Amino acid sequence: MAKTNKMVTGLIAGAAMGAVAGLLFAPKSGKESRQIVAARANKLRNKV
């Protein structure tokens, strides 16, 4: 059980770090990136 919790925590942390790295190295400006992320988050929120 403890191994499963560590694995899930590691996967979530890795995904979060990957998302942050993707935003930092994105070729678009910060304003454009935030608009895209906000639009995708709204679409996902509407689906849920």
PDB file of N, CA and C in Angstrom:
ATOM      1  N   MET A   1       0.827  -1.189   0.000  1.00  0.00           N
ATOM      2  CA  MET A   1       0.000   0.000   0.000  1.00  0.00           C
ATOM      3  C   MET A   1       0.864   1.242   0.000  1.00  0.00           C
ATOM      4  N   ALA A   2       1.926   1.260   0.800  1.00  0.00           N
ATOM      5  CA  ALA A   2       2.811   2.430   0.869  1.00  0.00           C
ATOM      6  C   ALA A   2       3.519   2.644  -0.460  1.00  0.00           C
ATOM      7  N   LYS A   3       3.888   1.551  -1.149  1.00  0.00           N
ATOM      8  CA  LYS A   3       4.538   1.679  -2.449  1.00  0.00           C
ATOM      9  C   LYS A   3       3.591   2.313  -3.461  1.00  0.00           C
ATOM     10  N   THR A   4       2.319   1.948  -3.398  1.00  0.00           N
ATOM     11  CA  THR A   4       1.338   2.500  -4.320  1.00  0.00           C
ATOM     12  C   THR A   4       1.181   3.994  -4.088  1.00  0.00           C
ATOM     13  N   ASN A   5       1.110   4.408  -2.821  1.00  0.00           N
ATOM     14  CA  ASN A   5       0.983   5.831  -2.511  1.00  0.00           C
ATOM     15  C   ASN A   5       2.185   6.614  -3.001  1.00  0.00           C
ATOM     16  N   LYS A   6       3.386   6.058  -2.822  1.00  0.00           N
ATOM     17  CA  LYS A   6       4.598   6.728  -3.283  1.00  0.00           C
ATOM     18  C   LYS A   6       4.615   6.829  -4.801  1.00  0.00           C
ATOM     19  N   MET A   7       4.156   5.782  -5.462  1.00  0.00           N
ATOM     20  CA  MET A   7       4.141   5.785  -6.921  1.00  0.00           C
ATOM     21  C   MET A   7       3.163   6.833  -7.448  1.00  0.00           C
ATOM     22  N   VAL A   8       1.985   6.886  -6.887  1.00  0.00           N
ATOM     23  CA  VAL A   8       0.984   7.867  -7.313  1.00  0.00           C
ATOM     24  C   VAL A   8       1.485   9.276  -7.048  1.00  0.00           C
ATOM     25  N   THR A   9       2.085   9.490  -5.882  1.00  0.00           N
ATOM     26  CA  THR A   9       2.636  10.807  -5.555  1.00  0.00           C
ATOM     27  C   THR A   9       3.742  11.171  -6.541  1.00  0.00           C
ATOM     28  N   GLY A  10       4.581  10.235  -6.879  1.00  0.00           N
ATOM     29  CA  GLY A  10       5.649  10.476  -7.848  1.00  0.00           C
ATOM     30  C   GLY A  10       5.121  10.802  -9.228  1.00  0.00           C
ATOM     31  N   LEU A  11       4.084  10.090  -9.648  1.00  0.00           N
ATOM     32  CA  LEU A  11       3.484  10.360 -10.955  1.00  0.00           C
ATOM     33  C   LEU A  11       2.863  11.748 -11.009  1.00  0.00           C
ATOM     34  N   ILE A  12       2.161  12.124  -9.959  1.00  0.00           N
ATOM     35  CA  ILE A  12       1.541  13.448  -9.917  1.00  0.00           C
ATOM     36  C   ILE A  12       2.605  14.540  -9.905  1.00  0.00           C
ATOM     37  N   ALA A  13       3.633  14.354  -9.084  1.00  0.00           N
ATOM     38  CA  ALA A  13       4.712  15.342  -9.017  1.00  0.00           C
ATOM     39  C   ALA A  13       5.432  15.452 -10.358  1.00  0.00           C
ATOM     40  N   GLY A  14       5.674  14.339 -11.005  1.00  0.00           N
ATOM     41  CA  GLY A  14       6.331  14.348 -12.317  1.00  0.00           C
ATOM     42  C   GLY A  14       5.492  15.038 -13.374  1.00  0.00           C
ATOM     43  N   ALA A  15       4.197  14.791 -13.344  1.00  0.00           N
ATOM     44  CA  ALA A  15       3.306  15.442 -14.302  1.00  0.00           C
ATOM     45  C   ALA A  15       3.268  16.950 -14.074  1.00  0.00           C
ATOM     46  N   ALA A  16       3.242  17.344 -12.812  1.00  0.00           N
ATOM     47  CA  ALA A  16       3.233  18.774 -12.495  1.00  0.00           C
ATOM     48  C   ALA A  16       4.525  19.442 -12.941  1.00  0.00           C
ATOM     49  N   MET A  17       5.651  18.800 -12.680  1.00  0.00           N
ATOM     50  CA  MET A  17       6.937  19.374 -13.103  1.00  0.00           C
ATOM     51  C   MET A  17       7.032  19.432 -14.629  1.00  0.00           C
ATOM     52  N   GLY A  18       6.514  18.436 -15.290  1.00  0.00           N
ATOM     53  CA  GLY A  18       6.508  18.442 -16.752  1.00  0.00           C
ATOM     54  C   GLY A  18       5.658  19.569 -17.315  1.00  0.00           C
ATOM     55  N   ALA A  19       4.520  19.803 -16.687  1.00  0.00           N
ATOM     56  CA  ALA A  19       3.645  20.889 -17.139  1.00  0.00           C
ATOM     57  C   ALA A  19       4.320  22.243 -16.935  1.00  0.00           C
ATOM     58  N   VAL A  20       4.956  22.420 -15.799  1.00  0.00           N
ATOM     59  CA  VAL A  20       5.665  23.679 -15.521  1.00  0.00           C
ATOM     60  C   VAL A  20       6.803  23.864 -16.510  1.00  0.00           C
ATOM     61  N   ALA A  21       7.574  22.824 -16.762  1.00  0.00           N
ATOM     62  CA  ALA A  21       8.682  22.915 -17.708  1.00  0.00           C
ATOM     63  C   ALA A  21       8.167  23.233 -19.107  1.00  0.00           C
ATOM     64  N   GLY A  22       7.053  22.631 -19.480  1.00  0.00           N
ATOM     65  CA  GLY A  22       6.460  22.906 -20.785  1.00  0.00           C
ATOM     66  C   GLY A  22       6.042  24.355 -20.930  1.00  0.00           C
ATOM     67  N   LEU A  23       5.486  24.913 -19.873  1.00  0.00           N
ATOM     68  CA  LEU A  23       5.089  26.312 -19.923  1.00  0.00           C
ATOM     69  C   LEU A  23       6.297  27.238 -19.958  1.00  0.00           C
ATOM     70  N   LEU A  24       7.341  26.894 -19.222  1.00  0.00           N
ATOM     71  CA  LEU A  24       8.532  27.740 -19.187  1.00  0.00           C
ATOM     72  C   LEU A  24       9.268  27.761 -20.525  1.00  0.00           C
ATOM     73  N   PHE A  25       9.277  26.631 -21.216  1.00  0.00           N
ATOM     74  CA  PHE A  25      10.008  26.540 -22.471  1.00  0.00           C
ATOM     75  C   PHE A  25       9.117  26.671 -23.697  1.00  0.00           C
ATOM     76  N   ALA A  26       7.886  27.092 -23.516  1.00  0.00           N
ATOM     77  CA  ALA A  26       6.953  27.252 -24.625  1.00  0.00           C
ATOM     78  C   ALA A  26       7.399  28.400 -25.533  1.00  0.00           C
ATOM     79  N   PRO A  27       7.193  28.256 -26.829  1.00  0.00           N
ATOM     80  CA  PRO A  27       7.629  29.298 -27.754  1.00  0.00           C
ATOM     81  C   PRO A  27       6.733  30.541 -27.760  1.00  0.00           C
ATOM     82  N   LYS A  28       5.603  30.473 -27.116  1.00  0.00           N
ATOM     83  CA  LYS A  28       4.683  31.614 -27.095  1.00  0.00           C
ATOM     84  C   LYS A  28       4.917  32.463 -25.857  1.00  0.00           C
ATOM     85  N   SER A  29       4.393  33.675 -25.892  1.00  0.00           N
ATOM     86  CA  SER A  29       4.543  34.562 -24.742  1.00  0.00           C
ATOM     87  C   SER A  29       3.706  34.055 -23.577  1.00  0.00           C
ATOM     88  N   GLY A  30       3.985  34.580 -22.400  1.00  0.00           N
ATOM     89  CA  GLY A  30       3.260  34.159 -21.203  1.00  0.00           C
ATOM     90  C   GLY A  30       1.777  34.440 -21.296  1.00  0.00           C
ATOM     91  N   LYS A  31       1.427  35.596 -21.848  1.00  0.00           N
ATOM     92  CA  LYS A  31       0.017  35.965 -21.968  1.00  0.00           C
ATOM     93  C   LYS A  31      -0.717  34.995 -22.883  1.00  0.00           C
ATOM     94  N   GLU A  32      -0.107  34.666 -24.023  1.00  0.00           N
ATOM     95  CA  GLU A  32      -0.723  33.720 -24.950  1.00  0.00           C
ATOM     96  C   GLU A  32      -0.858  32.339 -24.316  1.00  0.00           C
ATOM     97  N   SER A  33       0.191  31.909 -23.631  1.00  0.00           N
ATOM     98  CA  SER A  33       0.163  30.587 -22.982  1.00  0.00           C
ATOM     99  C   SER A  33      -0.925  30.515 -21.921  1.00  0.00           C
ATOM    100  N   ARG A  34      -1.053  31.579 -21.106  1.00  0.00           N
ATOM    101  CA  ARG A  34      -2.098  31.590 -20.075  1.00  0.00           C
ATOM    102  C   ARG A  34      -3.482  31.536 -20.688  1.00  0.00           C
ATOM    103  N   GLN A  35      -3.678  32.234 -21.814  1.00  0.00           N
ATOM    104  CA  GLN A  35      -4.977  32.207 -22.478  1.00  0.00           C
ATOM    105  C   GLN A  35      -5.302  30.805 -22.987  1.00  0.00           C
ATOM    106  N   ILE A  36      -4.311  30.145 -23.550  1.00  0.00           N
ATOM    107  CA  ILE A  36      -4.513  28.782 -24.057  1.00  0.00           C
ATOM    108  C   ILE A  36      -4.823  27.832 -22.910  1.00  0.00           C
ATOM    109  N   VAL A  37      -4.058  27.931 -21.824  1.00  0.00           N
ATOM    110  CA  VAL A  37      -4.287  27.056 -20.666  1.00  0.00           C
ATOM    111  C   VAL A  37      -5.674  27.311 -20.085  1.00  0.00           C
ATOM    112  N   ALA A  38      -6.071  28.579 -19.988  1.00  0.00           N
ATOM    113  CA  ALA A  38      -7.392  28.905 -19.438  1.00  0.00           C
ATOM    114  C   ALA A  38      -8.499  28.353 -20.325  1.00  0.00           C
ATOM    115  N   ALA A  39      -8.341  28.465 -21.634  1.00  0.00           N
ATOM    116  CA  ALA A  39      -9.358  27.951 -22.554  1.00  0.00           C
ATOM    117  C   ALA A  39      -9.477  26.430 -22.438  1.00  0.00           C
ATOM    118  N   ARG A  40      -8.344  25.742 -22.361  1.00  0.00           N
ATOM    119  CA  ARG A  40      -8.382  24.282 -22.236  1.00  0.00           C
ATOM    120  C   ARG A  40      -8.962  23.856 -20.896  1.00  0.00           C
ATOM    121  N   ALA A  41      -8.648  24.611 -19.846  1.00  0.00           N
ATOM    122  CA  ALA A  41      -9.197  24.284 -18.525  1.00  0.00           C
ATOM    123  C   ALA A  41     -10.711  24.463 -18.524  1.00  0.00           C
ATOM    124  N   ASN A  42     -11.200  25.503 -19.186  1.00  0.00           N
ATOM    125  CA  ASN A  42     -12.647  25.712 -19.269  1.00  0.00           C
ATOM    126  C   ASN A  42     -13.325  24.584 -20.033  1.00  0.00           C
ATOM    127  N   LYS A  43     -12.713  24.140 -21.135  1.00  0.00           N
ATOM    128  CA  LYS A  43     -13.272  23.021 -21.904  1.00  0.00           C
ATOM    129  C   LYS A  43     -13.329  21.760 -21.039  1.00  0.00           C
ATOM    130  N   LEU A  44     -12.241  21.492 -20.314  1.00  0.00           N
ATOM    131  CA  LEU A  44     -12.200  20.316 -19.458  1.00  0.00           C
ATOM    132  C   LEU A  44     -13.241  20.412 -18.345  1.00  0.00           C
ATOM    133  N   ARG A  45     -13.376  21.606 -17.764  1.00  0.00           N
ATOM    134  CA  ARG A  45     -14.355  21.822 -16.693  1.00  0.00           C
ATOM    135  C   ARG A  45     -15.770  21.583 -17.220  1.00  0.00           C
ATOM    136  N   ASN A  46     -16.052  22.021 -18.429  1.00  0.00           N
ATOM    137  CA  ASN A  46     -17.392  21.827 -19.007  1.00  0.00           C
ATOM    138  C   ASN A  46     -17.658  20.336 -19.283  1.00  0.00           C
ATOM    139  N   LYS A  47     -16.634  19.597 -19.678  1.00  0.00           N
ATOM    140  CA  LYS A  47     -16.806  18.173 -19.916  1.00  0.00           C
ATOM    141  C   LYS A  47     -17.109  17.423 -18.629  1.00  0.00           C
ATOM    142  N   VAL A  48     -16.455  17.854 -17.551  1.00  0.00           N
ATOM    143  CA  VAL A  48     -16.644  17.179 -16.266  1.00  0.00           C
ATOM    144  C   VAL A  48     -17.978  17.583 -15.719  1.00  0.00           C
TER     145      VAL A  48
END
